[in-house]
Amino acid sequence: MVDCGAGTVHALARYGLPWERMTHLYVSHFHVDHLGELASLFFAFRHGLRTMRSEPLTVIGPRGLDRVMDALKQAFGSKLFDLKFPVELRMVAPGERVELGPASVLSVAKTPHSDESLAVRIDSGGRAVCYTGDTDYSEEVAMFFGETDLLVSECSFRVRREGIAHLSIEGAARMAARARAARLVVTHFYFEVNDEELTRELQQYYRGEVLIGRDGMVIEL
């Protein structure tokens, strides 16, 4: 499951990740850095498949995702989105749950960022993976992530910027600590990252394992 932001298609292909077998795509909100490659992904599915597929693709996102898709069809032509396998749009509101498969459930919670922005949690086989999307610090969102095995968190700024709804290093670490997350992966940086330095700063507020996100990262639970 991927938040379809800048570089998504190229990153998946470059690192040999099985984008052609993707069954679910999650869109956290409608800012361009989280949605900008949606049309490119459909282009790849339409013209770049090396083997035929029949499995459906389910695109999950906030209410209004249908309007976004309609706008993309107007901009690029509806034929681009006419794939040779089924595509389903699944729009969700805070508190809703989606059955992804046997014993796998996706749930969402509102984040303080944009009107539609949603955090996501996936519970499967007794394990949980959570993703902040874009968010300001929120006790409610931290509780939604409670006891997760892996938290993927935005970490936009070194220090909090008043009036800008993004997490700082301290904010990301404190949310992970409040959630009692076993592991924390930070990403979505608006500053130059030194892995060792950033890890030390995060560990001032969070005692679990810290990983610095990068393209192609694969984590086993």
N, C-alpha and C. Protein backbone atom coordinates (compact mmCIF):
# COMPACT_ATOMS: atom_id res chain seq x y z
N MET A 1 0.84 -1.18 0.00
CA MET A 1 0.00 0.00 0.00
C MET A 1 0.87 1.23 0.00
N VAL A 2 0.56 2.21 -0.86
CA VAL A 2 1.44 3.34 -1.09
C VAL A 2 0.64 4.63 -1.06
N ASP A 3 1.21 5.69 -0.45
CA ASP A 3 0.68 7.03 -0.60
C ASP A 3 1.32 7.59 -1.86
N CYS A 4 0.53 7.90 -2.88
CA CYS A 4 1.06 8.08 -4.24
C CYS A 4 1.63 9.47 -4.43
N GLY A 5 2.78 9.71 -3.83
CA GLY A 5 3.41 11.01 -3.91
C GLY A 5 4.53 11.06 -4.92
N ALA A 6 5.32 12.13 -4.85
CA ALA A 6 6.37 12.37 -5.81
C ALA A 6 7.37 11.21 -5.83
N GLY A 7 7.64 10.70 -7.02
CA GLY A 7 8.63 9.66 -7.18
C GLY A 7 8.13 8.24 -6.96
N THR A 8 6.85 8.05 -6.67
CA THR A 8 6.33 6.73 -6.32
C THR A 8 6.62 5.69 -7.39
N VAL A 9 6.20 5.97 -8.61
CA VAL A 9 6.33 4.98 -9.68
C VAL A 9 7.80 4.67 -9.95
N HIS A 10 8.62 5.70 -10.06
CA HIS A 10 10.02 5.49 -10.36
C HIS A 10 10.72 4.75 -9.23
N ALA A 11 10.38 5.07 -7.98
CA ALA A 11 11.02 4.41 -6.84
C ALA A 11 10.67 2.93 -6.80
N LEU A 12 9.39 2.62 -7.01
CA LEU A 12 8.98 1.22 -6.99
C LEU A 12 9.70 0.42 -8.08
N ALA A 13 9.78 0.99 -9.26
CA ALA A 13 10.43 0.29 -10.36
C ALA A 13 11.94 0.19 -10.14
N ARG A 14 12.54 1.27 -9.69
CA ARG A 14 14.00 1.32 -9.53
C ARG A 14 14.49 0.27 -8.55
N TYR A 15 13.74 0.06 -7.47
CA TYR A 15 14.18 -0.87 -6.44
C TYR A 15 13.57 -2.26 -6.59
N GLY A 16 12.98 -2.52 -7.74
CA GLY A 16 12.51 -3.87 -8.01
C GLY A 16 11.31 -4.28 -7.18
N LEU A 17 10.58 -3.31 -6.63
CA LEU A 17 9.41 -3.65 -5.83
C LEU A 17 8.25 -3.98 -6.75
N PRO A 18 7.38 -4.90 -6.34
CA PRO A 18 6.39 -5.47 -7.27
C PRO A 18 5.18 -4.57 -7.48
N TRP A 19 5.41 -3.40 -8.12
CA TRP A 19 4.31 -2.47 -8.33
C TRP A 19 3.22 -3.07 -9.21
N GLU A 20 3.59 -3.98 -10.10
CA GLU A 20 2.60 -4.56 -11.01
C GLU A 20 1.57 -5.42 -10.27
N ARG A 21 1.94 -5.90 -9.06
CA ARG A 21 1.03 -6.73 -8.28
C ARG A 21 0.32 -5.95 -7.17
N MET A 22 0.46 -4.63 -7.19
CA MET A 22 -0.20 -3.80 -6.19
C MET A 22 -1.71 -4.03 -6.22
N THR A 23 -2.29 -4.30 -5.06
CA THR A 23 -3.73 -4.53 -4.99
C THR A 23 -4.48 -3.37 -4.35
N HIS A 24 -3.78 -2.58 -3.49
CA HIS A 24 -4.42 -1.46 -2.82
C HIS A 24 -3.49 -0.24 -2.88
N LEU A 25 -4.08 0.90 -3.10
CA LEU A 25 -3.35 2.16 -3.10
C LEU A 25 -4.05 3.10 -2.13
N TYR A 26 -3.29 3.65 -1.18
CA TYR A 26 -3.87 4.56 -0.19
C TYR A 26 -3.43 5.98 -0.48
N VAL A 27 -4.38 6.90 -0.52
CA VAL A 27 -4.12 8.33 -0.71
C VAL A 27 -4.51 9.03 0.59
N SER A 28 -3.54 9.65 1.26
CA SER A 28 -3.82 10.24 2.58
C SER A 28 -4.54 11.58 2.49
N HIS A 29 -4.22 12.37 1.46
CA HIS A 29 -4.89 13.66 1.27
C HIS A 29 -4.52 14.18 -0.12
N PHE A 30 -5.02 15.36 -0.47
CA PHE A 30 -4.98 15.78 -1.86
C PHE A 30 -3.91 16.82 -2.17
N HIS A 31 -2.89 16.97 -1.34
CA HIS A 31 -1.77 17.82 -1.69
C HIS A 31 -0.90 17.11 -2.73
N VAL A 32 -0.28 17.89 -3.59
CA VAL A 32 0.35 17.32 -4.78
C VAL A 32 1.47 16.35 -4.45
N ASP A 33 2.19 16.57 -3.33
CA ASP A 33 3.29 15.67 -3.01
C ASP A 33 2.81 14.31 -2.50
N HIS A 34 1.51 14.15 -2.30
CA HIS A 34 0.95 12.87 -1.89
C HIS A 34 0.01 12.28 -2.94
N LEU A 35 -0.19 13.02 -4.01
CA LEU A 35 -1.15 12.60 -5.04
C LEU A 35 -0.59 12.74 -6.45
N GLY A 36 0.56 13.39 -6.56
CA GLY A 36 1.04 13.87 -7.84
C GLY A 36 1.35 12.80 -8.87
N GLU A 37 1.58 11.55 -8.45
CA GLU A 37 1.92 10.53 -9.43
C GLU A 37 0.79 9.54 -9.66
N LEU A 38 -0.41 9.90 -9.26
CA LEU A 38 -1.53 8.98 -9.47
C LEU A 38 -1.76 8.73 -10.96
N ALA A 39 -1.74 9.80 -11.76
CA ALA A 39 -1.92 9.62 -13.21
C ALA A 39 -0.77 8.81 -13.80
N SER A 40 0.45 9.04 -13.33
CA SER A 40 1.61 8.30 -13.83
C SER A 40 1.50 6.81 -13.50
N LEU A 41 0.97 6.49 -12.33
CA LEU A 41 0.80 5.09 -11.96
C LEU A 41 -0.20 4.41 -12.89
N PHE A 42 -1.30 5.09 -13.18
CA PHE A 42 -2.26 4.52 -14.12
C PHE A 42 -1.65 4.37 -15.52
N PHE A 43 -0.82 5.33 -15.91
CA PHE A 43 -0.12 5.22 -17.20
C PHE A 43 0.76 3.96 -17.21
N ALA A 44 1.47 3.71 -16.10
CA ALA A 44 2.32 2.53 -16.02
C ALA A 44 1.49 1.25 -16.08
N PHE A 45 0.35 1.25 -15.38
CA PHE A 45 -0.52 0.08 -15.42
C PHE A 45 -1.08 -0.14 -16.84
N ARG A 46 -1.33 0.94 -17.55
CA ARG A 46 -1.94 0.80 -18.87
C ARG A 46 -0.92 0.38 -19.93
N HIS A 47 0.31 0.89 -19.80
CA HIS A 47 1.28 0.68 -20.88
C HIS A 47 2.53 -0.10 -20.46
N GLY A 48 2.73 -0.30 -19.16
CA GLY A 48 3.99 -0.87 -18.72
C GLY A 48 3.93 -2.25 -18.11
N LEU A 49 2.76 -2.88 -18.08
CA LEU A 49 2.66 -4.22 -17.51
C LEU A 49 3.39 -5.24 -18.38
N ARG A 50 4.22 -6.05 -17.75
CA ARG A 50 4.95 -7.08 -18.48
C ARG A 50 4.17 -8.38 -18.56
N THR A 51 3.22 -8.56 -17.64
CA THR A 51 2.35 -9.73 -17.66
C THR A 51 0.92 -9.27 -17.43
N MET A 52 -0.02 -9.97 -17.96
CA MET A 52 -1.43 -9.62 -17.78
C MET A 52 -1.83 -9.86 -16.33
N ARG A 53 -2.77 -9.06 -15.86
CA ARG A 53 -3.28 -9.26 -14.51
C ARG A 53 -4.79 -9.14 -14.54
N SER A 54 -5.44 -9.84 -13.61
CA SER A 54 -6.89 -9.75 -13.48
C SER A 54 -7.30 -9.26 -12.09
N GLU A 55 -6.32 -9.24 -11.15
CA GLU A 55 -6.65 -8.79 -9.80
C GLU A 55 -7.07 -7.33 -9.82
N PRO A 56 -8.11 -6.99 -9.06
CA PRO A 56 -8.55 -5.59 -9.02
C PRO A 56 -7.56 -4.71 -8.25
N LEU A 57 -7.59 -3.43 -8.54
CA LEU A 57 -6.86 -2.41 -7.79
C LEU A 57 -7.89 -1.57 -7.04
N THR A 58 -7.73 -1.46 -5.73
CA THR A 58 -8.62 -0.64 -4.92
C THR A 58 -7.87 0.61 -4.47
N VAL A 59 -8.37 1.77 -4.85
CA VAL A 59 -7.78 3.05 -4.46
C VAL A 59 -8.60 3.59 -3.30
N ILE A 60 -7.96 3.74 -2.14
CA ILE A 60 -8.63 4.15 -0.91
C ILE A 60 -8.17 5.55 -0.54
N GLY A 61 -9.10 6.41 -0.21
CA GLY A 61 -8.73 7.77 0.17
C GLY A 61 -9.90 8.51 0.78
N PRO A 62 -9.69 9.78 1.11
CA PRO A 62 -10.74 10.57 1.75
C PRO A 62 -11.91 10.85 0.81
N ARG A 63 -13.01 11.28 1.41
CA ARG A 63 -14.14 11.75 0.62
C ARG A 63 -13.67 12.87 -0.31
N GLY A 64 -14.10 12.82 -1.54
CA GLY A 64 -13.64 13.77 -2.55
C GLY A 64 -12.65 13.16 -3.52
N LEU A 65 -12.24 11.92 -3.25
CA LEU A 65 -11.31 11.25 -4.16
C LEU A 65 -11.93 11.07 -5.54
N ASP A 66 -13.24 10.90 -5.61
CA ASP A 66 -13.90 10.75 -6.92
C ASP A 66 -13.77 12.03 -7.73
N ARG A 67 -13.86 13.19 -7.07
CA ARG A 67 -13.71 14.46 -7.78
C ARG A 67 -12.28 14.63 -8.30
N VAL A 68 -11.31 14.18 -7.51
CA VAL A 68 -9.92 14.23 -7.96
C VAL A 68 -9.74 13.37 -9.21
N MET A 69 -10.28 12.16 -9.18
CA MET A 69 -10.16 11.27 -10.33
C MET A 69 -10.85 11.86 -11.56
N ASP A 70 -12.01 12.46 -11.36
CA ASP A 70 -12.71 13.08 -12.49
C ASP A 70 -11.88 14.21 -13.09
N ALA A 71 -11.22 15.00 -12.24
CA ALA A 71 -10.38 16.09 -12.73
C ALA A 71 -9.18 15.56 -13.50
N LEU A 72 -8.58 14.47 -13.02
CA LEU A 72 -7.46 13.87 -13.74
C LEU A 72 -7.90 13.34 -15.10
N LYS A 73 -9.09 12.77 -15.15
CA LYS A 73 -9.62 12.28 -16.43
C LYS A 73 -9.83 13.43 -17.41
N GLN A 74 -10.30 14.56 -16.90
CA GLN A 74 -10.49 15.72 -17.77
C GLN A 74 -9.14 16.25 -18.25
N ALA A 75 -8.14 16.21 -17.38
CA ALA A 75 -6.83 16.75 -17.74
C ALA A 75 -6.08 15.85 -18.71
N PHE A 76 -6.15 14.52 -18.51
CA PHE A 76 -5.31 13.60 -19.27
C PHE A 76 -6.09 12.68 -20.20
N GLY A 77 -7.41 12.74 -20.13
CA GLY A 77 -8.23 11.87 -20.96
C GLY A 77 -8.66 10.63 -20.21
N SER A 78 -9.92 10.29 -20.32
CA SER A 78 -10.47 9.18 -19.53
C SER A 78 -9.88 7.84 -19.94
N LYS A 79 -9.39 7.74 -21.19
CA LYS A 79 -8.84 6.47 -21.66
C LYS A 79 -7.66 6.01 -20.82
N LEU A 80 -6.88 6.97 -20.28
CA LEU A 80 -5.72 6.64 -19.46
C LEU A 80 -6.11 5.78 -18.26
N PHE A 81 -7.31 6.00 -17.74
CA PHE A 81 -7.74 5.34 -16.52
C PHE A 81 -8.61 4.10 -16.80
N ASP A 82 -8.70 3.75 -18.07
CA ASP A 82 -9.46 2.57 -18.47
C ASP A 82 -8.49 1.40 -18.56
N LEU A 83 -8.33 0.67 -17.46
CA LEU A 83 -7.35 -0.40 -17.39
C LEU A 83 -7.98 -1.74 -17.78
N LYS A 84 -7.15 -2.75 -17.97
CA LYS A 84 -7.64 -4.07 -18.38
C LYS A 84 -7.93 -4.96 -17.17
N PHE A 85 -8.03 -4.36 -16.02
CA PHE A 85 -8.44 -5.07 -14.80
C PHE A 85 -9.30 -4.10 -14.00
N PRO A 86 -10.13 -4.60 -13.08
CA PRO A 86 -11.06 -3.73 -12.36
C PRO A 86 -10.35 -2.75 -11.44
N VAL A 87 -10.90 -1.54 -11.36
CA VAL A 87 -10.42 -0.51 -10.44
C VAL A 87 -11.61 -0.02 -9.61
N GLU A 88 -11.44 -0.02 -8.30
CA GLU A 88 -12.50 0.43 -7.40
C GLU A 88 -12.00 1.61 -6.59
N LEU A 89 -12.81 2.68 -6.52
CA LEU A 89 -12.53 3.78 -5.60
C LEU A 89 -13.28 3.52 -4.31
N ARG A 90 -12.57 3.60 -3.20
CA ARG A 90 -13.19 3.39 -1.89
C ARG A 90 -12.92 4.63 -1.04
N MET A 91 -13.93 5.45 -0.84
CA MET A 91 -13.77 6.68 -0.06
C MET A 91 -14.19 6.44 1.38
N VAL A 92 -13.35 6.91 2.30
CA VAL A 92 -13.55 6.64 3.72
C VAL A 92 -13.56 7.94 4.51
N ALA A 93 -14.27 7.91 5.62
CA ALA A 93 -14.34 9.03 6.56
C ALA A 93 -13.70 8.60 7.88
N PRO A 94 -13.27 9.55 8.72
CA PRO A 94 -12.66 9.21 10.00
C PRO A 94 -13.51 8.20 10.78
N GLY A 95 -12.85 7.17 11.29
CA GLY A 95 -13.53 6.13 12.05
C GLY A 95 -13.97 4.94 11.23
N GLU A 96 -13.92 5.05 9.91
CA GLU A 96 -14.35 3.94 9.07
C GLU A 96 -13.26 2.88 8.95
N ARG A 97 -13.68 1.66 8.63
CA ARG A 97 -12.79 0.52 8.48
C ARG A 97 -13.05 -0.15 7.14
N VAL A 98 -12.00 -0.70 6.55
CA VAL A 98 -12.10 -1.40 5.27
C VAL A 98 -11.44 -2.77 5.43
N GLU A 99 -12.16 -3.82 5.06
CA GLU A 99 -11.60 -5.17 5.07
C GLU A 99 -10.72 -5.33 3.84
N LEU A 100 -9.43 -5.55 4.06
CA LEU A 100 -8.49 -5.71 2.95
C LEU A 100 -8.36 -7.15 2.50
N GLY A 101 -8.69 -8.06 3.38
CA GLY A 101 -8.55 -9.48 3.11
C GLY A 101 -8.74 -10.24 4.39
N PRO A 102 -8.50 -11.54 4.37
CA PRO A 102 -8.66 -12.34 5.59
C PRO A 102 -7.82 -11.80 6.75
N ALA A 103 -8.49 -11.40 7.82
CA ALA A 103 -7.82 -10.93 9.05
C ALA A 103 -6.98 -9.68 8.83
N SER A 104 -7.29 -8.89 7.79
CA SER A 104 -6.57 -7.64 7.53
C SER A 104 -7.58 -6.50 7.43
N VAL A 105 -7.39 -5.50 8.28
CA VAL A 105 -8.34 -4.39 8.35
C VAL A 105 -7.59 -3.07 8.29
N LEU A 106 -8.07 -2.15 7.46
CA LEU A 106 -7.56 -0.79 7.39
C LEU A 106 -8.55 0.13 8.07
N SER A 107 -8.05 1.02 8.92
CA SER A 107 -8.90 2.03 9.55
C SER A 107 -8.23 3.39 9.44
N VAL A 108 -9.03 4.45 9.53
CA VAL A 108 -8.50 5.80 9.34
C VAL A 108 -8.96 6.73 10.45
N ALA A 109 -8.17 7.78 10.65
CA ALA A 109 -8.49 8.81 11.64
C ALA A 109 -8.11 10.17 11.08
N LYS A 110 -8.85 11.19 11.46
CA LYS A 110 -8.59 12.55 10.96
C LYS A 110 -7.29 13.09 11.56
N THR A 111 -6.50 13.75 10.72
CA THR A 111 -5.31 14.44 11.19
C THR A 111 -5.48 15.95 11.05
N PRO A 112 -4.84 16.72 11.93
CA PRO A 112 -4.87 18.18 11.79
C PRO A 112 -3.86 18.64 10.75
N HIS A 113 -4.31 18.69 9.50
CA HIS A 113 -3.43 19.14 8.42
C HIS A 113 -4.24 19.86 7.34
N SER A 114 -5.00 19.09 6.55
CA SER A 114 -5.90 19.69 5.57
C SER A 114 -7.32 19.25 5.90
N ASP A 115 -8.29 19.76 5.14
CA ASP A 115 -9.69 19.43 5.43
C ASP A 115 -9.95 17.94 5.36
N GLU A 116 -9.26 17.25 4.45
CA GLU A 116 -9.58 15.83 4.21
C GLU A 116 -8.53 14.87 4.75
N SER A 117 -7.41 15.35 5.26
CA SER A 117 -6.26 14.49 5.57
C SER A 117 -6.58 13.41 6.60
N LEU A 118 -6.09 12.20 6.31
CA LEU A 118 -6.36 11.04 7.15
C LEU A 118 -5.07 10.27 7.45
N ALA A 119 -4.93 9.85 8.70
CA ALA A 119 -3.92 8.86 9.07
C ALA A 119 -4.51 7.48 8.86
N VAL A 120 -3.65 6.48 8.74
CA VAL A 120 -4.13 5.13 8.44
C VAL A 120 -3.45 4.12 9.36
N ARG A 121 -4.20 3.09 9.69
CA ARG A 121 -3.69 1.97 10.48
C ARG A 121 -4.14 0.68 9.80
N ILE A 122 -3.21 -0.27 9.65
CA ILE A 122 -3.53 -1.58 9.10
C ILE A 122 -3.20 -2.63 10.15
N ASP A 123 -4.21 -3.39 10.54
CA ASP A 123 -4.04 -4.51 11.47
C ASP A 123 -4.19 -5.80 10.70
N SER A 124 -3.19 -6.68 10.83
CA SER A 124 -3.22 -7.94 10.08
C SER A 124 -2.41 -8.99 10.82
N GLY A 125 -3.03 -10.12 11.10
CA GLY A 125 -2.32 -11.22 11.71
C GLY A 125 -1.69 -10.90 13.04
N GLY A 126 -2.34 -10.04 13.82
CA GLY A 126 -1.81 -9.69 15.12
C GLY A 126 -0.74 -8.61 15.11
N ARG A 127 -0.46 -8.05 13.94
CA ARG A 127 0.52 -6.97 13.80
C ARG A 127 -0.18 -5.71 13.31
N ALA A 128 0.44 -4.56 13.56
CA ALA A 128 -0.14 -3.30 13.12
C ALA A 128 0.93 -2.41 12.51
N VAL A 129 0.58 -1.77 11.39
CA VAL A 129 1.42 -0.78 10.73
C VAL A 129 0.60 0.50 10.62
N CYS A 130 1.19 1.63 10.99
CA CYS A 130 0.48 2.91 10.95
C CYS A 130 1.28 3.94 10.17
N TYR A 131 0.56 4.88 9.57
CA TYR A 131 1.18 5.93 8.77
C TYR A 131 0.47 7.25 9.08
N THR A 132 1.26 8.26 9.39
CA THR A 132 0.67 9.54 9.78
C THR A 132 0.04 10.29 8.63
N GLY A 133 0.49 10.04 7.37
CA GLY A 133 0.19 11.03 6.35
C GLY A 133 0.83 12.33 6.80
N ASP A 134 0.23 13.46 6.47
CA ASP A 134 0.70 14.74 7.00
C ASP A 134 -0.15 15.12 8.19
N THR A 135 0.49 15.61 9.24
CA THR A 135 -0.24 15.91 10.46
C THR A 135 0.55 16.85 11.35
N ASP A 136 -0.15 17.60 12.15
CA ASP A 136 0.44 18.30 13.29
C ASP A 136 0.43 17.32 14.46
N TYR A 137 1.06 17.69 15.57
CA TYR A 137 1.01 16.82 16.75
C TYR A 137 -0.44 16.67 17.21
N SER A 138 -0.82 15.46 17.56
CA SER A 138 -2.19 15.18 17.97
C SER A 138 -2.21 14.02 18.94
N GLU A 139 -2.72 14.26 20.15
CA GLU A 139 -2.89 13.18 21.12
C GLU A 139 -3.87 12.13 20.60
N GLU A 140 -4.93 12.60 19.93
CA GLU A 140 -5.94 11.68 19.42
C GLU A 140 -5.36 10.76 18.35
N VAL A 141 -4.56 11.31 17.45
CA VAL A 141 -3.95 10.47 16.42
C VAL A 141 -2.94 9.51 17.04
N ALA A 142 -2.19 9.97 18.04
CA ALA A 142 -1.25 9.08 18.74
C ALA A 142 -1.98 7.90 19.37
N MET A 143 -3.13 8.14 19.96
CA MET A 143 -3.91 7.06 20.56
C MET A 143 -4.44 6.11 19.50
N PHE A 144 -4.78 6.64 18.34
CA PHE A 144 -5.21 5.81 17.22
C PHE A 144 -4.10 4.84 16.82
N PHE A 145 -2.84 5.27 16.96
CA PHE A 145 -1.69 4.44 16.62
C PHE A 145 -1.28 3.49 17.75
N GLY A 146 -2.02 3.45 18.83
CA GLY A 146 -1.59 2.79 20.05
C GLY A 146 -1.06 1.37 19.87
N GLU A 147 0.12 1.12 20.42
CA GLU A 147 0.76 -0.20 20.44
C GLU A 147 1.09 -0.72 19.05
N THR A 148 1.26 0.15 18.09
CA THR A 148 1.58 -0.31 16.74
C THR A 148 2.98 -0.92 16.70
N ASP A 149 3.16 -1.90 15.83
CA ASP A 149 4.47 -2.51 15.66
C ASP A 149 5.40 -1.61 14.84
N LEU A 150 4.82 -0.82 13.93
CA LEU A 150 5.62 0.06 13.09
C LEU A 150 4.83 1.34 12.82
N LEU A 151 5.44 2.48 13.09
CA LEU A 151 4.84 3.77 12.79
C LEU A 151 5.71 4.48 11.75
N VAL A 152 5.12 4.77 10.60
CA VAL A 152 5.78 5.56 9.57
C VAL A 152 5.26 6.99 9.73
N SER A 153 6.18 7.90 10.04
CA SER A 153 5.76 9.25 10.42
C SER A 153 6.43 10.30 9.56
N GLU A 154 5.65 11.30 9.19
CA GLU A 154 6.25 12.48 8.60
C GLU A 154 7.12 13.17 9.65
N CYS A 155 8.15 13.87 9.18
CA CYS A 155 9.08 14.59 10.07
C CYS A 155 9.60 15.77 9.27
N SER A 156 8.74 16.75 9.06
CA SER A 156 9.01 17.79 8.08
C SER A 156 10.10 18.76 8.50
N PHE A 157 10.09 19.17 9.79
CA PHE A 157 10.95 20.27 10.22
C PHE A 157 11.85 19.87 11.39
N ARG A 158 12.98 20.52 11.49
CA ARG A 158 13.84 20.31 12.66
C ARG A 158 13.15 20.79 13.92
N VAL A 159 12.57 21.96 13.85
CA VAL A 159 11.84 22.51 15.00
C VAL A 159 10.45 22.93 14.52
N ARG A 160 9.52 22.93 15.45
CA ARG A 160 8.13 23.25 15.12
C ARG A 160 8.00 24.66 14.54
N ARG A 161 7.21 24.78 13.49
CA ARG A 161 6.90 26.08 12.90
C ARG A 161 5.46 26.43 13.24
N GLU A 162 5.29 27.46 13.98
CA GLU A 162 3.97 27.85 14.45
C GLU A 162 3.05 28.14 13.27
N GLY A 163 1.86 27.57 13.34
CA GLY A 163 0.86 27.82 12.31
C GLY A 163 1.00 26.94 11.08
N ILE A 164 1.98 26.05 11.05
CA ILE A 164 2.16 25.13 9.93
C ILE A 164 1.93 23.72 10.44
N ALA A 165 0.95 23.03 9.89
CA ALA A 165 0.49 21.75 10.45
C ALA A 165 1.34 20.59 9.93
N HIS A 166 2.58 20.56 10.39
CA HIS A 166 3.50 19.46 10.12
C HIS A 166 4.23 19.12 11.40
N LEU A 167 4.85 17.93 11.44
CA LEU A 167 5.59 17.51 12.62
C LEU A 167 7.05 17.94 12.55
N SER A 168 7.57 18.34 13.70
CA SER A 168 9.00 18.55 13.88
C SER A 168 9.63 17.24 14.34
N ILE A 169 10.96 17.24 14.49
CA ILE A 169 11.64 16.06 15.02
C ILE A 169 11.08 15.69 16.38
N GLU A 170 10.98 16.66 17.26
CA GLU A 170 10.45 16.39 18.60
C GLU A 170 9.01 15.91 18.53
N GLY A 171 8.19 16.55 17.68
CA GLY A 171 6.79 16.16 17.57
C GLY A 171 6.62 14.73 17.08
N ALA A 172 7.40 14.34 16.06
CA ALA A 172 7.31 12.97 15.55
C ALA A 172 7.72 11.97 16.63
N ALA A 173 8.79 12.27 17.35
CA ALA A 173 9.26 11.36 18.39
C ALA A 173 8.27 11.26 19.54
N ARG A 174 7.71 12.39 19.94
CA ARG A 174 6.75 12.38 21.05
C ARG A 174 5.46 11.64 20.67
N MET A 175 5.02 11.76 19.43
CA MET A 175 3.84 11.01 19.00
C MET A 175 4.11 9.52 19.01
N ALA A 176 5.31 9.11 18.56
CA ALA A 176 5.67 7.70 18.57
C ALA A 176 5.73 7.17 20.00
N ALA A 177 6.30 7.98 20.90
CA ALA A 177 6.37 7.57 22.31
C ALA A 177 4.98 7.47 22.92
N ARG A 178 4.13 8.44 22.62
CA ARG A 178 2.76 8.43 23.14
C ARG A 178 1.98 7.23 22.63
N ALA A 179 2.26 6.83 21.38
CA ALA A 179 1.59 5.68 20.79
C ALA A 179 2.17 4.35 21.28
N ARG A 180 3.31 4.41 21.95
CA ARG A 180 4.03 3.21 22.39
C ARG A 180 4.36 2.32 21.16
N ALA A 181 4.80 2.98 20.11
CA ALA A 181 5.17 2.27 18.88
C ALA A 181 6.46 1.49 19.11
N ALA A 182 6.51 0.27 18.58
CA ALA A 182 7.72 -0.54 18.73
C ALA A 182 8.86 -0.02 17.86
N ARG A 183 8.53 0.44 16.66
CA ARG A 183 9.54 0.99 15.75
C ARG A 183 8.99 2.24 15.09
N LEU A 184 9.89 3.17 14.79
CA LEU A 184 9.53 4.43 14.16
C LEU A 184 10.37 4.62 12.90
N VAL A 185 9.69 4.86 11.79
CA VAL A 185 10.36 5.24 10.54
C VAL A 185 9.96 6.67 10.23
N VAL A 186 10.94 7.54 10.07
CA VAL A 186 10.64 8.95 9.76
C VAL A 186 10.94 9.23 8.30
N THR A 187 10.12 10.11 7.71
CA THR A 187 10.24 10.45 6.29
C THR A 187 9.66 11.84 6.08
N HIS A 188 9.56 12.29 4.80
CA HIS A 188 8.92 13.57 4.47
C HIS A 188 9.71 14.74 5.08
N PHE A 189 11.00 14.82 4.73
CA PHE A 189 11.88 15.82 5.32
C PHE A 189 11.93 17.09 4.47
N TYR A 190 11.86 18.24 5.14
CA TYR A 190 12.11 19.52 4.49
C TYR A 190 13.44 20.10 4.95
N PHE A 191 14.35 19.24 5.35
CA PHE A 191 15.69 19.67 5.77
C PHE A 191 16.68 18.58 5.37
N GLU A 192 17.95 18.95 5.31
CA GLU A 192 18.97 17.98 4.96
C GLU A 192 19.20 17.03 6.13
N VAL A 193 19.22 15.73 5.83
CA VAL A 193 19.24 14.73 6.89
C VAL A 193 20.62 14.10 7.03
N ASN A 194 21.10 14.09 8.26
CA ASN A 194 22.24 13.27 8.66
C ASN A 194 21.67 12.15 9.52
N ASP A 195 21.77 10.91 9.04
CA ASP A 195 21.07 9.80 9.70
C ASP A 195 21.42 9.67 11.17
N GLU A 196 22.70 9.69 11.49
CA GLU A 196 23.12 9.49 12.88
C GLU A 196 22.63 10.64 13.77
N GLU A 197 22.76 11.84 13.28
CA GLU A 197 22.34 13.01 14.06
C GLU A 197 20.84 12.99 14.29
N LEU A 198 20.07 12.71 13.23
CA LEU A 198 18.62 12.69 13.36
C LEU A 198 18.18 11.58 14.30
N THR A 199 18.80 10.42 14.21
CA THR A 199 18.46 9.32 15.12
C THR A 199 18.68 9.72 16.57
N ARG A 200 19.81 10.38 16.85
CA ARG A 200 20.08 10.82 18.22
C ARG A 200 19.03 11.81 18.71
N GLU A 201 18.63 12.73 17.84
CA GLU A 201 17.63 13.73 18.24
C GLU A 201 16.29 13.07 18.53
N LEU A 202 15.89 12.12 17.70
CA LEU A 202 14.63 11.42 17.92
C LEU A 202 14.67 10.62 19.21
N GLN A 203 15.81 10.01 19.50
CA GLN A 203 15.92 9.17 20.68
C GLN A 203 15.96 9.95 21.98
N GLN A 204 16.02 11.26 21.91
CA GLN A 204 15.86 12.06 23.12
C GLN A 204 14.45 11.97 23.68
N TYR A 205 13.47 11.68 22.80
CA TYR A 205 12.07 11.67 23.21
C TYR A 205 11.39 10.32 23.00
N TYR A 206 12.05 9.43 22.27
CA TYR A 206 11.44 8.14 21.91
C TYR A 206 12.46 7.03 22.14
N ARG A 207 12.07 5.99 22.87
CA ARG A 207 13.00 4.94 23.28
C ARG A 207 13.03 3.73 22.36
N GLY A 208 12.11 3.64 21.42
CA GLY A 208 12.07 2.48 20.54
C GLY A 208 13.10 2.56 19.42
N GLU A 209 13.03 1.59 18.53
CA GLU A 209 13.95 1.54 17.39
C GLU A 209 13.61 2.63 16.39
N VAL A 210 14.62 3.33 15.89
CA VAL A 210 14.45 4.41 14.93
C VAL A 210 15.07 4.01 13.60
N LEU A 211 14.32 4.22 12.51
CA LEU A 211 14.83 4.01 11.16
C LEU A 211 14.59 5.28 10.36
N ILE A 212 15.57 5.66 9.56
CA ILE A 212 15.43 6.83 8.70
C ILE A 212 14.94 6.35 7.34
N GLY A 213 13.78 6.81 6.93
CA GLY A 213 13.16 6.32 5.70
C GLY A 213 13.97 6.65 4.46
N ARG A 214 13.93 5.74 3.50
CA ARG A 214 14.59 5.96 2.22
C ARG A 214 13.85 5.18 1.15
N ASP A 215 14.00 5.59 -0.10
CA ASP A 215 13.38 4.87 -1.22
C ASP A 215 13.86 3.42 -1.23
N GLY A 216 12.93 2.50 -1.45
CA GLY A 216 13.27 1.10 -1.57
C GLY A 216 13.39 0.37 -0.27
N MET A 217 13.13 1.04 0.86
CA MET A 217 13.25 0.39 2.15
C MET A 217 12.20 -0.72 2.29
N VAL A 218 12.61 -1.88 2.74
CA VAL A 218 11.72 -3.01 3.01
C VAL A 218 11.89 -3.39 4.47
N ILE A 219 10.78 -3.48 5.21
CA ILE A 219 10.82 -3.79 6.63
C ILE A 219 9.95 -5.01 6.89
N GLU A 220 10.50 -6.01 7.54
CA GLU A 220 9.75 -7.20 7.89
C GLU A 220 9.21 -7.06 9.31
N LEU A 221 7.96 -7.48 9.49
CA LEU A 221 7.36 -7.46 10.82
C LEU A 221 7.31 -8.88 11.37
